[in-house]
Structure formats: C-alpha cells, structure tokens
Amino acid sequence: MMIRYASYFMAALLPLLLFRWFAPASINEIDFWLLWLLAMILVSLPVIYAEIALAHRSLSAPFAGMQKLTREADASPIWRSFGWLAALVSITIAALLISGAGDGALIALEGLGINPDVPSFAIAAGMTIVAVLLSFLGAATLPIGFGLMVVSLALGLMSGFSAPNFALTNISLTEWAHAVALALVSVGAGTGIYWFAQHLVTQQSPTAVSSSNQTAMAEKRSQGLSDVSASKLVLPIWLLQIAIGVVALLTSQLVMPPLGQLIYWFGVLFVVSYLLHYSAQQFAHQFGFLLSIVMTLVVAMILVMAIPTSWLLGLLVIVSSAAVLLLSVFAGWQMKISHLRKALNFSNEGFYNLWRVAIRLVVPIALILALIGWVLQWAS
C-alpha cells in the first residue's frame, strides 16, 4: 500500500533534507530563489517527465529498463550506465545525509548532557549499518521518517521562529550552479527514484491475465499506462516539491532544541534506508539480492568513512549532473519520437513539442552552464 505513495513522500522529504547543503549562504537572496524556481521549471520538470515516460515505456526499474530501452532504440550500451549512475547518486545522497547525521547526533547528545566518548565518524558508520538493515522494510520507512521530521520541525517552531531577511543581490554563474544543483537533488532528478516507484506501482496493478503469461501481462500494463497522461503523475510531485521547498526556505534558520535535533536525525536515518533499498534493488538485477546488499553497504561505508562531507557534496553535484545529462540526451536524441509521445500521452501536441525542446536543448545547456559555475567556484 505504501508503495503507491512513495513518490509523494520522497517529493516532500528531499527538499527538507537537502536544502541545508546547497543554500546556506544564499538563504536571504531573492535572486537565488528566483533562479531556483527557474531551474525547477526548465530543468527538473522536463527530467521528471522523462523519468515517468521511460518508466511507462520500459515497464521495468531503471537498471533493467535502460537495457530494454537501448535495445529497442538500437542505441549504444553506454546509455545503460544511467542505471549505475542513478544508483550511485542515491547512495551518495544517503552518505551525505548519514555524514551530517553523525555530526548532528553527537551535537544533539551533548546538548542533552550526554557525552559519548565516540567520534562522529563511528556514529555515522553505525548509522550506515542500521540504515542498510532498515532498507529491508522498503517504502514502509518513509512515513516514519516523515513523521519524525515533522515532529522535529514542530519542536523547533515552539522554540521560536524568525523569517529570513530577503534582499536582492547580483546574479552570477556560481549562483546559477547552486540553484540548478538544489533543483536537481531536492527533486531526486538523476536518481531514478520516481521511475522505480512507478515501476513498483505498475507491478502491483491488477490485471485479468494469468500470471503465467508474462507477455500478455506486460501488454496489458502497457495498454493501461498509455491511457494515463504523465502529467497526472508528474505535476502533483513537482508542485509538492515547490510547496515543500518554500517551507524548507522559510524554516531554514529554524533553531531546533537538542531533542528536536536528535528526532530529526533519526528521521533522516529512516529516509536514508529507502534510498539504500532503491540502490540495492538496482544492483540486484545484475548481481542478485545478497551481493547487492553487500555492495550497497560497502559503497555507502566507503563514502561515509573515507570522504569528507565537503567532498561528498562535490561528488554529488558531479554524479547527479552526469546522470541527468545522460538521461536527457538519451530521452531527447536516442528514443523514438512515437514511443515517447505515446508514453507521455499529453493532451496537446504543443505540450509535447515544448517538452522535447526542453529535454533536448534547454536541460543540457543549463547543466553545462551550472557545471562551469561549479568549476569557477572550486577554482577560486
């Protein structure tokens, strides 16, 4: 039952979790948030449409789906690397959050008068193991994580609230880079999470076909999806992300009490478990269930233990941008027009043409400019 709402929980949770990493220095800048809104329209929205279209067309999870779609489009196997990149983006987000949770939990415990003689990286390592174990619960962890985060925000509001003091500043390429990165990671673009969730929903869809007839079942599900406009799935997710993004902005300077901080980081742990569950499911297609769990744990542990948090942030920017760029070029230039038009099922041909221009030209150009902005910042 919870699988049906996994996309909406992730849409609400990702902005709350990731805003603090990409916008702390730009919280009070009106122009930054206008750039973020522009990036949400020009970059994130077309990419989410692409994910849902490929989910409808492939009827498989991202890893297996890209194999099917590349064969169908007679495209190079290099495009299948999106499955690997998407899983890596998800694990990197999880590692970034766990790294922050290790430091945050230690500060919260000290605020409660508890001084554990344990370094933060050890706490983070323990959290990684717990998150992998929780990942066996699948999407059932998402409402728990969401509930804990709401409780923590409520405790923060009870302690006092001050809205940001907005001001207009000069626009720069670096600011655009931060806005695009925030728009991508806060919607999960490049992770394939919505593609994966849609695949799980279609798997659960009842059909009148015998379970032994796999081909007939696939045709039945495909026919059912072709009657559903992608906008009915995409727009609620995207609008929810905009609304939660505004909430995350307004509460960005919220100071939570130690108990609220501890509850918040426990909530993060439950959300992270779903990200690791998704990654393990992708690896399982290639390596089997047990090995996929081991791979997910090892990769996450290496990222948490061996890479500083600031470097994790840079790695996330690079990998997520590469994944989104690969997805946009594949959907825009490799897929057959007729296949995507049917999968998207827009009510108006003009909407499809706008989306196709965005995914083929606007998204790649915006991403390249954003990467240039990041390089300029890193070089300085």
Foldseek 3Di string as FASTA:
>chain_A
DLLLCLLQLLLLVLLLQCVLPQDPPPLQAPVLVVLLVVLLVLAVLLLLLLLLLLLLLQLDALLVSVVVQCVVLVHDCVLSCLLVLLLVLLLLSLLLLLLVLLVLLQVLCVLVVHHDPDHSLVVSLVLLVVLLVLLVVASVLSVVLVVLLVVLVVQLVVVDFDFHNHDHDDDDLLSSLSSNLSSCRSSSRSNSPVSRSVSVVLVPDDDPDDPVPVVVSSVVSSVVLLVDAVCVVSVVSSVSSVVSNVVSSGCVVGDTHSVSSNSNSVSSSSVSSNSLSSSLVSVCVPVNNPVSSVVSSVSSSCSNNPPDSVVSVVVSSVSSLVSSLSSLCCSQPRGDPVSSCSNNVDPDVVVVVVSSCSSNPVNNVSSVSSVVSVVVVVVD
